[in-house]
Amino acid sequence: MESFYLVGPNPEQSTVFQQPASDAPVAALPAQAPEEPGGPRRAILATEDRATAHSQSPPAAPGEGLTSATDHSHATLVSENKRLVRLVQTLTERIRTLESAAHENSMLKSSIFNFREEFQRHANAVTLPVIHEAEHETQLEAEATAASPAAEAQVRLLEEELQKAQLEGAKQRAQVAKYRDRWEKLKESAKRKRQQQGMLTHDHRQGPAA
């Protein structure tokens, strides 16, 4: 038995013919579509073109299977970087706040210290004259104590003179009051006399006219 392989335009349409050695009729396995002009040649060329295109296609890049894992790792790193940036910003704000509070605390301490020094300066300025005045009074008392007998005699003399002056003044005030009373009485008497004289003159003038 002899076999024949016929290639059509499409390799899948190829057909195998088997012919026995005797004169038995030829049996065809699947029937083949009518051939077009140049069919076998075109089929062979198409097969060669596909093989050439497959051989010339670029080889797959190494590590292509790790693309998804790499992308996931990159996204994780970006998220971690953002978290660290936020943490740094928060810590920076806290440091700035603490530095501002420390600066204000230092200024407050300086103000309190300056106020305390100013207060002590004024207190010393007020206390020193008081101390000097107390020392002066103590010195005067000491001098008065040293000259006490003569001073006491002079004080008694002055007290006596003051009493005499007070008595004299009382007498003079009594005399002034007496003279004032007499003066008031004299003015009243003169006023009455003038009124009486006025009335007499008026009556005298009216008498001859009547």
N, C-alpha and C. Protein backbone atom coordinates (compact mmCIF):
# COMPACT_ATOMS: atom_id res chain seq x y z
N MET A 1 0.86 -1.19 0.00
CA MET A 1 0.00 0.00 0.00
C MET A 1 0.89 1.23 0.00
N GLU A 2 0.56 2.17 -0.82
CA GLU A 2 1.32 3.40 -0.94
C GLU A 2 0.51 4.54 -0.36
N SER A 3 1.24 5.48 0.32
CA SER A 3 0.59 6.65 0.94
C SER A 3 1.10 7.90 0.29
N PHE A 4 0.17 8.87 0.14
CA PHE A 4 0.51 10.17 -0.44
C PHE A 4 0.05 11.27 0.53
N TYR A 5 0.89 12.29 0.72
CA TYR A 5 0.58 13.43 1.61
C TYR A 5 0.45 14.67 0.77
N LEU A 6 -0.74 15.23 0.76
CA LEU A 6 -1.03 16.41 -0.06
C LEU A 6 -1.24 17.61 0.87
N VAL A 7 -0.47 18.66 0.66
CA VAL A 7 -0.56 19.88 1.48
C VAL A 7 -1.42 20.88 0.76
N GLY A 8 -2.49 21.39 1.44
CA GLY A 8 -3.38 22.39 0.85
C GLY A 8 -2.98 23.79 1.24
N PRO A 9 -3.83 24.78 0.93
CA PRO A 9 -3.52 26.17 1.34
C PRO A 9 -3.38 26.31 2.83
N ASN A 10 -4.14 25.57 3.58
CA ASN A 10 -4.06 25.57 5.05
C ASN A 10 -3.49 24.24 5.45
N PRO A 11 -2.44 24.25 6.27
CA PRO A 11 -1.85 22.95 6.64
C PRO A 11 -2.85 22.04 7.31
N GLU A 12 -3.87 22.61 7.94
CA GLU A 12 -4.84 21.75 8.63
C GLU A 12 -5.74 21.03 7.62
N GLN A 13 -5.76 21.51 6.38
CA GLN A 13 -6.57 20.86 5.36
C GLN A 13 -5.78 19.81 4.57
N SER A 14 -4.60 19.47 5.04
CA SER A 14 -3.80 18.44 4.34
C SER A 14 -4.52 17.10 4.39
N THR A 15 -4.33 16.30 3.40
CA THR A 15 -5.04 15.01 3.28
C THR A 15 -4.03 13.91 2.96
N VAL A 16 -4.24 12.78 3.57
CA VAL A 16 -3.38 11.62 3.32
C VAL A 16 -4.15 10.64 2.44
N PHE A 17 -3.55 10.25 1.36
CA PHE A 17 -4.14 9.24 0.45
C PHE A 17 -3.37 7.94 0.61
N GLN A 18 -4.07 6.84 0.66
CA GLN A 18 -3.47 5.51 0.72
C GLN A 18 -3.95 4.69 -0.50
N GLN A 19 -3.04 4.12 -1.17
CA GLN A 19 -3.39 3.31 -2.36
C GLN A 19 -2.76 1.92 -2.18
N PRO A 20 -3.60 0.87 -2.25
CA PRO A 20 -3.03 -0.48 -2.14
C PRO A 20 -2.19 -0.80 -3.36
N ALA A 21 -1.36 -1.81 -3.19
CA ALA A 21 -0.48 -2.20 -4.29
C ALA A 21 -1.25 -2.80 -5.46
N SER A 22 -2.38 -3.47 -5.17
CA SER A 22 -3.19 -4.05 -6.24
C SER A 22 -3.99 -2.98 -6.91
N ASP A 23 -4.85 -3.39 -7.76
CA ASP A 23 -5.69 -2.44 -8.48
C ASP A 23 -6.94 -2.11 -7.72
N ALA A 24 -6.94 -2.23 -6.39
CA ALA A 24 -8.14 -1.89 -5.59
C ALA A 24 -8.41 -0.41 -5.68
N PRO A 25 -9.64 -0.03 -5.56
CA PRO A 25 -9.96 1.41 -5.66
C PRO A 25 -9.30 2.21 -4.54
N VAL A 26 -8.97 3.42 -4.87
CA VAL A 26 -8.26 4.30 -3.90
C VAL A 26 -9.27 4.87 -2.92
N ALA A 27 -8.93 4.78 -1.63
CA ALA A 27 -9.83 5.33 -0.56
C ALA A 27 -9.24 6.65 -0.05
N ALA A 28 -10.01 7.64 -0.09
CA ALA A 28 -9.56 8.98 0.39
C ALA A 28 -10.09 9.20 1.78
N LEU A 29 -9.21 9.68 2.61
CA LEU A 29 -9.60 9.97 4.00
C LEU A 29 -10.44 11.25 3.98
N PRO A 30 -10.41 12.25 4.39
CA PRO A 30 -11.37 13.35 4.26
C PRO A 30 -11.27 13.96 2.89
N ALA A 31 -12.40 14.37 2.42
CA ALA A 31 -12.44 14.99 1.10
C ALA A 31 -11.85 16.37 1.18
N GLN A 32 -11.21 16.76 0.16
CA GLN A 32 -10.48 18.03 0.15
C GLN A 32 -11.21 19.00 -0.74
N ALA A 33 -11.14 20.22 -0.39
CA ALA A 33 -11.79 21.26 -1.18
C ALA A 33 -11.03 21.44 -2.47
N PRO A 34 -11.68 21.92 -3.47
CA PRO A 34 -10.98 22.10 -4.75
C PRO A 34 -9.81 23.04 -4.58
N GLU A 35 -8.74 22.66 -5.21
CA GLU A 35 -7.52 23.44 -5.10
C GLU A 35 -7.62 24.67 -5.96
N GLU A 36 -7.06 25.72 -5.40
CA GLU A 36 -6.96 26.96 -6.15
C GLU A 36 -5.65 26.94 -6.90
N PRO A 37 -5.55 27.79 -7.89
CA PRO A 37 -4.27 27.82 -8.60
C PRO A 37 -3.15 28.23 -7.68
N GLY A 38 -2.11 27.44 -7.74
CA GLY A 38 -0.95 27.72 -6.88
C GLY A 38 -1.21 27.41 -5.45
N GLY A 39 -2.20 26.54 -5.12
CA GLY A 39 -2.55 26.25 -3.73
C GLY A 39 -1.44 25.66 -2.93
N PRO A 40 -0.82 24.58 -3.32
CA PRO A 40 0.24 23.98 -2.51
C PRO A 40 1.39 24.92 -2.28
N ARG A 41 1.74 25.63 -3.31
CA ARG A 41 2.86 26.57 -3.15
C ARG A 41 2.53 27.66 -2.15
N ARG A 42 1.29 28.17 -2.22
CA ARG A 42 0.87 29.23 -1.30
C ARG A 42 0.85 28.71 0.14
N ALA A 43 0.40 27.48 0.32
CA ALA A 43 0.35 26.91 1.67
C ALA A 43 1.74 26.78 2.25
N ILE A 44 2.68 26.35 1.42
CA ILE A 44 4.05 26.20 1.92
C ILE A 44 4.63 27.55 2.30
N LEU A 45 4.38 28.56 1.46
CA LEU A 45 4.91 29.89 1.76
C LEU A 45 4.29 30.45 3.05
N ALA A 46 2.99 30.23 3.24
CA ALA A 46 2.33 30.73 4.46
C ALA A 46 2.92 30.07 5.69
N THR A 47 3.21 28.78 5.59
CA THR A 47 3.80 28.08 6.73
C THR A 47 5.17 28.63 7.04
N GLU A 48 5.95 28.88 5.96
CA GLU A 48 7.29 29.43 6.19
C GLU A 48 7.23 30.83 6.79
N ASP A 49 6.24 31.65 6.33
CA ASP A 49 6.11 33.01 6.89
C ASP A 49 5.79 32.97 8.38
N ARG A 50 4.90 32.05 8.78
CA ARG A 50 4.57 31.95 10.21
C ARG A 50 5.77 31.52 11.02
N ALA A 51 6.54 30.59 10.47
CA ALA A 51 7.73 30.13 11.19
C ALA A 51 8.74 31.25 11.31
N THR A 52 8.89 32.04 10.20
CA THR A 52 9.85 33.15 10.24
C THR A 52 9.42 34.21 11.24
N ALA A 53 8.11 34.53 11.24
CA ALA A 53 7.61 35.55 12.19
C ALA A 53 7.79 35.09 13.61
N HIS A 54 7.57 33.79 13.86
CA HIS A 54 7.74 33.27 15.22
C HIS A 54 9.19 33.32 15.64
N SER A 55 10.09 33.04 14.67
CA SER A 55 11.52 33.05 15.02
C SER A 55 12.03 34.47 15.22
N GLN A 56 11.42 35.45 14.48
CA GLN A 56 11.89 36.82 14.60
C GLN A 56 11.23 37.60 15.74
N SER A 57 10.22 37.05 16.37
CA SER A 57 9.57 37.77 17.50
C SER A 57 10.56 37.93 18.64
N PRO A 58 10.57 39.13 19.33
CA PRO A 58 11.56 39.37 20.40
C PRO A 58 11.35 38.43 21.57
N PRO A 59 12.43 38.00 22.16
CA PRO A 59 12.29 37.09 23.31
C PRO A 59 11.65 37.81 24.50
N ALA A 60 10.99 37.07 25.32
CA ALA A 60 10.33 37.64 26.51
C ALA A 60 11.39 38.22 27.45
N ALA A 61 11.09 39.41 27.98
CA ALA A 61 12.03 40.07 28.89
C ALA A 61 12.15 39.28 30.17
N PRO A 62 13.38 39.16 30.68
CA PRO A 62 13.54 38.40 31.94
C PRO A 62 12.87 39.13 33.10
N GLY A 63 12.23 38.44 33.99
CA GLY A 63 11.58 39.03 35.16
C GLY A 63 10.20 39.58 34.90
N GLU A 64 9.61 39.27 33.68
CA GLU A 64 8.28 39.77 33.41
C GLU A 64 7.27 39.21 34.38
N GLY A 65 7.52 38.06 34.87
CA GLY A 65 6.59 37.45 35.81
C GLY A 65 6.57 38.13 37.16
N LEU A 66 7.61 38.94 37.47
CA LEU A 66 7.68 39.61 38.78
C LEU A 66 7.12 41.03 38.74
N THR A 67 6.45 41.41 37.61
CA THR A 67 5.97 42.80 37.49
C THR A 67 4.95 43.13 38.57
N SER A 68 4.01 42.24 38.78
CA SER A 68 2.96 42.53 39.79
C SER A 68 3.56 42.63 41.18
N ALA A 69 4.50 41.76 41.51
CA ALA A 69 5.14 41.82 42.83
C ALA A 69 5.93 43.11 43.00
N THR A 70 6.62 43.53 41.91
CA THR A 70 7.39 44.78 41.98
C THR A 70 6.47 45.98 42.17
N ASP A 71 5.35 46.00 41.43
CA ASP A 71 4.39 47.10 41.58
C ASP A 71 3.85 47.17 43.01
N HIS A 72 3.53 46.02 43.57
CA HIS A 72 3.02 46.00 44.95
C HIS A 72 4.07 46.52 45.94
N SER A 73 5.34 46.11 45.74
CA SER A 73 6.41 46.59 46.62
C SER A 73 6.60 48.09 46.47
N HIS A 74 6.51 48.63 45.24
CA HIS A 74 6.65 50.07 45.01
C HIS A 74 5.52 50.84 45.70
N ALA A 75 4.29 50.34 45.58
CA ALA A 75 3.16 51.00 46.25
C ALA A 75 3.34 51.01 47.77
N THR A 76 3.86 49.90 48.30
CA THR A 76 4.11 49.84 49.75
C THR A 76 5.15 50.86 50.17
N LEU A 77 6.23 50.98 49.38
CA LEU A 77 7.28 51.95 49.71
C LEU A 77 6.76 53.38 49.63
N VAL A 78 5.92 53.68 48.63
CA VAL A 78 5.35 55.03 48.50
C VAL A 78 4.48 55.35 49.71
N SER A 79 3.64 54.38 50.11
CA SER A 79 2.78 54.60 51.28
C SER A 79 3.60 54.81 52.54
N GLU A 80 4.66 54.01 52.71
CA GLU A 80 5.51 54.15 53.89
C GLU A 80 6.24 55.50 53.87
N ASN A 81 6.66 55.94 52.68
CA ASN A 81 7.33 57.24 52.56
C ASN A 81 6.39 58.37 52.96
N LYS A 82 5.13 58.32 52.49
CA LYS A 82 4.16 59.34 52.86
C LYS A 82 3.92 59.36 54.37
N ARG A 83 3.84 58.16 54.97
CA ARG A 83 3.62 58.08 56.41
C ARG A 83 4.79 58.70 57.17
N LEU A 84 6.01 58.42 56.71
CA LEU A 84 7.19 58.99 57.37
C LEU A 84 7.24 60.51 57.20
N VAL A 85 6.83 61.01 56.02
CA VAL A 85 6.81 62.46 55.80
C VAL A 85 5.83 63.12 56.76
N ARG A 86 4.65 62.53 56.92
CA ARG A 86 3.67 63.09 57.87
C ARG A 86 4.20 63.06 59.29
N LEU A 87 4.88 61.97 59.65
CA LEU A 87 5.45 61.87 60.99
C LEU A 87 6.51 62.95 61.22
N VAL A 88 7.36 63.17 60.21
CA VAL A 88 8.39 64.22 60.33
C VAL A 88 7.75 65.59 60.47
N GLN A 89 6.70 65.86 59.71
CA GLN A 89 6.01 67.15 59.82
C GLN A 89 5.41 67.34 61.21
N THR A 90 4.79 66.27 61.73
CA THR A 90 4.20 66.36 63.08
C THR A 90 5.27 66.62 64.13
N LEU A 91 6.38 65.89 64.04
CA LEU A 91 7.47 66.10 65.00
C LEU A 91 8.07 67.50 64.87
N THR A 92 8.16 68.00 63.63
CA THR A 92 8.68 69.36 63.43
C THR A 92 7.78 70.39 64.09
N GLU A 93 6.46 70.22 63.94
CA GLU A 93 5.52 71.15 64.57
C GLU A 93 5.63 71.09 66.09
N ARG A 94 5.77 69.89 66.64
CA ARG A 94 5.90 69.76 68.10
C ARG A 94 7.18 70.42 68.59
N ILE A 95 8.27 70.22 67.84
CA ILE A 95 9.54 70.85 68.23
C ILE A 95 9.42 72.36 68.19
N ARG A 96 8.77 72.88 67.13
CA ARG A 96 8.59 74.33 67.03
C ARG A 96 7.74 74.86 68.20
N THR A 97 6.69 74.11 68.56
CA THR A 97 5.84 74.53 69.68
C THR A 97 6.62 74.52 70.99
N LEU A 98 7.43 73.47 71.20
CA LEU A 98 8.22 73.39 72.43
C LEU A 98 9.26 74.51 72.49
N GLU A 99 9.88 74.81 71.35
CA GLU A 99 10.87 75.90 71.33
C GLU A 99 10.21 77.24 71.63
N SER A 100 9.00 77.45 71.08
CA SER A 100 8.28 78.71 71.36
C SER A 100 7.92 78.80 72.84
N ALA A 101 7.45 77.67 73.42
CA ALA A 101 7.11 77.69 74.85
C ALA A 101 8.34 77.94 75.70
N ALA A 102 9.47 77.33 75.32
CA ALA A 102 10.71 77.56 76.08
C ALA A 102 11.15 79.01 75.98
N HIS A 103 11.00 79.61 74.79
CA HIS A 103 11.38 81.03 74.63
C HIS A 103 10.49 81.93 75.49
N GLU A 104 9.17 81.66 75.48
CA GLU A 104 8.27 82.47 76.31
C GLU A 104 8.58 82.29 77.79
N ASN A 105 8.91 81.05 78.19
CA ASN A 105 9.25 80.81 79.59
C ASN A 105 10.50 81.57 79.98
N SER A 106 11.49 81.59 79.08
CA SER A 106 12.72 82.33 79.36
C SER A 106 12.45 83.83 79.49
N MET A 107 11.61 84.36 78.59
CA MET A 107 11.27 85.79 78.67
C MET A 107 10.53 86.11 79.96
N LEU A 108 9.63 85.20 80.38
CA LEU A 108 8.89 85.42 81.62
C LEU A 108 9.83 85.42 82.82
N LYS A 109 10.78 84.48 82.84
CA LYS A 109 11.74 84.45 83.94
C LYS A 109 12.58 85.72 83.97
N SER A 110 12.99 86.18 82.78
CA SER A 110 13.78 87.41 82.71
C SER A 110 12.97 88.61 83.20
N SER A 111 11.68 88.67 82.84
CA SER A 111 10.84 89.78 83.29
C SER A 111 10.68 89.75 84.81
N ILE A 112 10.47 88.55 85.37
CA ILE A 112 10.32 88.43 86.82
C ILE A 112 11.61 88.85 87.52
N PHE A 113 12.75 88.44 86.97
CA PHE A 113 14.03 88.81 87.57
C PHE A 113 14.24 90.32 87.53
N ASN A 114 13.93 90.94 86.37
CA ASN A 114 14.08 92.39 86.26
C ASN A 114 13.14 93.12 87.21
N PHE A 115 11.90 92.62 87.32
CA PHE A 115 10.95 93.25 88.24
C PHE A 115 11.43 93.14 89.68
N ARG A 116 12.00 91.98 90.02
CA ARG A 116 12.50 91.81 91.39
C ARG A 116 13.65 92.78 91.68
N GLU A 117 14.56 92.93 90.71
CA GLU A 117 15.66 93.88 90.92
C GLU A 117 15.16 95.31 91.04
N GLU A 118 14.18 95.67 90.19
CA GLU A 118 13.63 97.03 90.25
C GLU A 118 12.93 97.27 91.59
N PHE A 119 12.20 96.26 92.06
CA PHE A 119 11.51 96.40 93.34
C PHE A 119 12.51 96.56 94.48
N GLN A 120 13.56 95.76 94.47
CA GLN A 120 14.58 95.89 95.53
C GLN A 120 15.27 97.25 95.47
N ARG A 121 15.50 97.76 94.25
CA ARG A 121 16.13 99.07 94.13
C ARG A 121 15.25 100.16 94.74
N HIS A 122 13.94 100.11 94.42
CA HIS A 122 13.03 101.11 94.99
C HIS A 122 12.89 100.94 96.50
N ALA A 123 12.85 99.68 96.95
CA ALA A 123 12.74 99.44 98.39
C ALA A 123 13.95 99.99 99.13
N ASN A 124 15.13 99.80 98.57
CA ASN A 124 16.33 100.35 99.20
C ASN A 124 16.32 101.87 99.20
N ALA A 125 15.82 102.46 98.09
CA ALA A 125 15.76 103.92 98.02
C ALA A 125 14.80 104.50 99.04
N VAL A 126 13.73 103.76 99.35
CA VAL A 126 12.77 104.23 100.35
C VAL A 126 13.26 103.95 101.75
N THR A 127 13.97 102.86 101.96
CA THR A 127 14.39 102.47 103.30
C THR A 127 15.54 103.33 103.80
N LEU A 128 16.45 103.73 102.92
CA LEU A 128 17.61 104.49 103.36
C LEU A 128 17.23 105.82 104.02
N PRO A 129 16.32 106.65 103.43
CA PRO A 129 15.94 107.88 104.13
C PRO A 129 15.31 107.62 105.49
N VAL A 130 14.52 106.56 105.59
CA VAL A 130 13.90 106.24 106.89
C VAL A 130 14.97 105.92 107.91
N ILE A 131 15.99 105.17 107.48
CA ILE A 131 17.07 104.83 108.41
C ILE A 131 17.81 106.08 108.84
N HIS A 132 18.10 106.97 107.87
CA HIS A 132 18.80 108.21 108.22
C HIS A 132 17.95 109.08 109.15
N GLU A 133 16.64 109.13 108.90
CA GLU A 133 15.77 109.93 109.76
C GLU A 133 15.74 109.35 111.18
N ALA A 134 15.68 108.03 111.29
CA ALA A 134 15.68 107.41 112.61
C ALA A 134 17.01 107.70 113.33
N GLU A 135 18.10 107.63 112.57
CA GLU A 135 19.39 107.95 113.19
C GLU A 135 19.44 109.41 113.65
N HIS A 136 18.85 110.33 112.86
CA HIS A 136 18.84 111.74 113.24
C HIS A 136 18.00 111.95 114.51
N GLU A 137 16.84 111.30 114.57
CA GLU A 137 16.01 111.43 115.78
C GLU A 137 16.74 110.86 116.99
N THR A 138 17.43 109.75 116.81
CA THR A 138 18.18 109.18 117.94
C THR A 138 19.27 110.13 118.39
N GLN A 139 19.92 110.78 117.43
CA GLN A 139 20.97 111.75 117.78
C GLN A 139 20.38 112.94 118.53
N LEU A 140 19.22 113.43 118.08
CA LEU A 140 18.57 114.55 118.78
C LEU A 140 18.17 114.15 120.20
N GLU A 141 17.65 112.94 120.34
CA GLU A 141 17.28 112.49 121.68
C GLU A 141 18.51 112.40 122.58
N ALA A 142 19.62 111.92 121.99
CA ALA A 142 20.84 111.83 122.79
C ALA A 142 21.32 113.21 123.20
N GLU A 143 21.26 114.17 122.27
CA GLU A 143 21.67 115.53 122.63
C GLU A 143 20.74 116.15 123.67
N ALA A 144 19.45 115.89 123.54
CA ALA A 144 18.50 116.42 124.53
C ALA A 144 18.73 115.80 125.89
N THR A 145 19.06 114.51 125.89
CA THR A 145 19.32 113.84 127.17
C THR A 145 20.58 114.41 127.82
N ALA A 146 21.59 114.73 126.98
CA ALA A 146 22.83 115.27 127.54
C ALA A 146 22.60 116.65 128.14
N ALA A 147 21.72 117.46 127.52
CA ALA A 147 21.47 118.82 128.04
C ALA A 147 20.11 118.91 128.72
N SER A 148 19.67 117.87 129.35
CA SER A 148 18.32 117.83 129.95
C SER A 148 18.11 118.84 131.08
N PRO A 149 19.01 119.08 132.01
CA PRO A 149 18.70 120.03 133.10
C PRO A 149 18.43 121.44 132.58
N ALA A 150 19.30 121.95 131.72
CA ALA A 150 19.10 123.30 131.19
C ALA A 150 17.85 123.36 130.32
N ALA A 151 17.63 122.30 129.56
CA ALA A 151 16.46 122.29 128.69
C ALA A 151 15.18 122.26 129.50
N GLU A 152 15.17 121.50 130.57
CA GLU A 152 13.97 121.45 131.40
C GLU A 152 13.68 122.81 132.03
N ALA A 153 14.70 123.49 132.46
CA ALA A 153 14.50 124.83 133.05
C ALA A 153 13.95 125.79 132.02
N GLN A 154 14.52 125.71 130.81
CA GLN A 154 14.03 126.59 129.76
C GLN A 154 12.59 126.26 129.39
N VAL A 155 12.26 124.99 129.39
CA VAL A 155 10.88 124.59 129.07
C VAL A 155 9.92 125.10 130.13
N ARG A 156 10.31 124.99 131.39
CA ARG A 156 9.43 125.50 132.45
C ARG A 156 9.23 127.01 132.32
N LEU A 157 10.31 127.71 131.97
CA LEU A 157 10.20 129.16 131.81
C LEU A 157 9.25 129.50 130.66
N LEU A 158 9.39 128.78 129.60
CA LEU A 158 8.52 129.03 128.45
C LEU A 158 7.07 128.69 128.77
N GLU A 159 6.86 127.65 129.53
CA GLU A 159 5.49 127.31 129.91
C GLU A 159 4.87 128.39 130.78
N GLU A 160 5.66 128.95 131.68
CA GLU A 160 5.14 130.02 132.54
C GLU A 160 4.80 131.25 131.70
N GLU A 161 5.67 131.60 130.78
CA GLU A 161 5.39 132.75 129.92
C GLU A 161 4.15 132.50 129.07
N LEU A 162 3.98 131.28 128.64
CA LEU A 162 2.80 130.95 127.84
C LEU A 162 1.53 131.09 128.67
N GLN A 163 1.58 130.64 129.91
CA GLN A 163 0.41 130.78 130.78
C GLN A 163 0.08 132.26 131.03
N LYS A 164 1.14 133.06 131.24
CA LYS A 164 0.91 134.49 131.46
C LYS A 164 0.29 135.13 130.21
N ALA A 165 0.81 134.76 129.08
CA ALA A 165 0.27 135.32 127.83
C ALA A 165 -1.19 134.90 127.64
N GLN A 166 -1.50 133.65 128.00
CA GLN A 166 -2.88 133.20 127.88
C GLN A 166 -3.79 133.98 128.83
N LEU A 167 -3.34 134.23 130.06
CA LEU A 167 -4.15 135.02 131.01
C LEU A 167 -4.33 136.45 130.49
N GLU A 168 -3.25 137.05 130.00
CA GLU A 168 -3.34 138.41 129.47
C GLU A 168 -4.29 138.46 128.28
N GLY A 169 -4.21 137.47 127.46
CA GLY A 169 -5.11 137.43 126.31
C GLY A 169 -6.56 137.29 126.74
N ALA A 170 -6.81 136.50 127.77
CA ALA A 170 -8.18 136.34 128.26
C ALA A 170 -8.70 137.66 128.80
N LYS A 171 -7.83 138.39 129.53
CA LYS A 171 -8.24 139.69 130.06
C LYS A 171 -8.55 140.66 128.91
N GLN A 172 -7.69 140.70 127.93
CA GLN A 172 -7.91 141.60 126.81
C GLN A 172 -9.19 141.24 126.05
N ARG A 173 -9.45 139.96 125.89
CA ARG A 173 -10.68 139.57 125.21
C ARG A 173 -11.90 139.99 126.02
N ALA A 174 -11.81 139.90 127.36
CA ALA A 174 -12.93 140.34 128.20
C ALA A 174 -13.15 141.84 128.07
N GLN A 175 -12.06 142.62 128.06
CA GLN A 175 -12.18 144.07 127.90
C GLN A 175 -12.75 144.43 126.54
N VAL A 176 -12.31 143.74 125.51
CA VAL A 176 -12.83 144.01 124.17
C VAL A 176 -14.32 143.72 124.12
N ALA A 177 -14.74 142.62 124.75
CA ALA A 177 -16.16 142.29 124.77
C ALA A 177 -16.94 143.36 125.52
N LYS A 178 -16.37 143.85 126.63
CA LYS A 178 -17.05 144.89 127.40
C LYS A 178 -17.15 146.17 126.59
N TYR A 179 -16.06 146.57 125.95
CA TYR A 179 -16.09 147.77 125.13
C TYR A 179 -17.05 147.61 123.94
N ARG A 180 -17.11 146.45 123.38
CA ARG A 180 -18.02 146.24 122.25
C ARG A 180 -19.47 146.38 122.72
N ASP A 181 -19.78 145.84 123.91
CA ASP A 181 -21.14 145.94 124.45
C ASP A 181 -21.49 147.41 124.72
N ARG A 182 -20.51 148.12 125.30
CA ARG A 182 -20.76 149.54 125.56
C ARG A 182 -20.95 150.30 124.25
N TRP A 183 -20.18 149.98 123.28
CA TRP A 183 -20.28 150.65 121.98
C TRP A 183 -21.64 150.38 121.35
N GLU A 184 -22.13 149.18 121.44
CA GLU A 184 -23.43 148.86 120.89
C GLU A 184 -24.53 149.66 121.62
N LYS A 185 -24.37 149.77 122.93
CA LYS A 185 -25.37 150.52 123.69
C LYS A 185 -25.33 152.00 123.30
N LEU A 186 -24.14 152.56 123.13
CA LEU A 186 -24.03 153.95 122.73
C LEU A 186 -24.64 154.17 121.35
N LYS A 187 -24.41 153.26 120.43
CA LYS A 187 -25.00 153.41 119.10
C LYS A 187 -26.53 153.35 119.18
N GLU A 188 -27.04 152.47 120.00
CA GLU A 188 -28.49 152.36 120.14
C GLU A 188 -29.07 153.63 120.74
N SER A 189 -28.40 154.19 121.76
CA SER A 189 -28.89 155.42 122.40
C SER A 189 -28.85 156.58 121.43
N ALA A 190 -27.78 156.69 120.65
CA ALA A 190 -27.68 157.77 119.68
C ALA A 190 -28.75 157.63 118.60
N LYS A 191 -29.05 156.44 118.23
CA LYS A 191 -30.08 156.21 117.24
C LYS A 191 -31.44 156.65 117.75
N ARG A 192 -31.74 156.32 119.01
CA ARG A 192 -33.03 156.72 119.58
C ARG A 192 -33.11 158.25 119.68
N LYS A 193 -32.00 158.88 120.08
CA LYS A 193 -32.01 160.34 120.19
C LYS A 193 -32.24 160.98 118.82
N ARG A 194 -31.63 160.45 117.78
CA ARG A 194 -31.84 161.03 116.46
C ARG A 194 -33.29 160.86 116.02
N GLN A 195 -33.86 159.73 116.34
CA GLN A 195 -35.26 159.52 115.99
C GLN A 195 -36.18 160.51 116.74
N GLN A 196 -35.90 160.71 118.04
CA GLN A 196 -36.73 161.66 118.82
C GLN A 196 -36.58 163.07 118.28
N GLN A 197 -35.37 163.47 117.95
CA GLN A 197 -35.17 164.82 117.41
C GLN A 197 -35.86 164.97 116.06
N GLY A 198 -35.86 163.94 115.28
CA GLY A 198 -36.54 164.00 113.99
C GLY A 198 -38.04 164.17 114.17
N MET A 199 -38.59 163.48 115.14
CA MET A 199 -40.02 163.59 115.37
C MET A 199 -40.38 164.98 115.87
N LEU A 200 -39.59 165.56 116.79
CA LEU A 200 -39.86 166.91 117.31
C LEU A 200 -39.77 167.93 116.19
N THR A 201 -38.80 167.81 115.34
CA THR A 201 -38.66 168.76 114.23
C THR A 201 -39.85 168.66 113.29
N HIS A 202 -40.31 167.48 113.05
CA HIS A 202 -41.46 167.29 112.17
C HIS A 202 -42.72 167.91 112.77
N ASP A 203 -42.92 167.71 114.09
CA ASP A 203 -44.11 168.28 114.76
C ASP A 203 -44.02 169.81 114.78
N HIS A 204 -42.83 170.34 115.01
CA HIS A 204 -42.67 171.79 115.08
C HIS A 204 -42.96 172.42 113.72
N ARG A 205 -42.60 171.76 112.66
CA ARG A 205 -42.86 172.31 111.34
C ARG A 205 -44.35 172.23 110.99
N GLN A 206 -45.02 171.23 111.46
CA GLN A 206 -46.44 171.09 111.15
C GLN A 206 -47.29 172.04 112.00
N GLY A 207 -46.86 172.49 113.19
CA GLY A 207 -47.67 173.34 114.07
C GLY A 207 -47.91 174.72 113.47
N PRO A 208 -46.96 175.56 113.11
CA PRO A 208 -47.21 176.89 112.55
C PRO A 208 -47.97 176.82 111.25
N ALA A 209 -47.76 175.80 110.45
CA ALA A 209 -48.49 175.70 109.18
C ALA A 209 -49.97 175.51 109.43
N ALA A 210 -50.35 174.82 110.49
CA ALA A 210 -51.76 174.61 110.81
C ALA A 210 -52.36 175.90 111.28
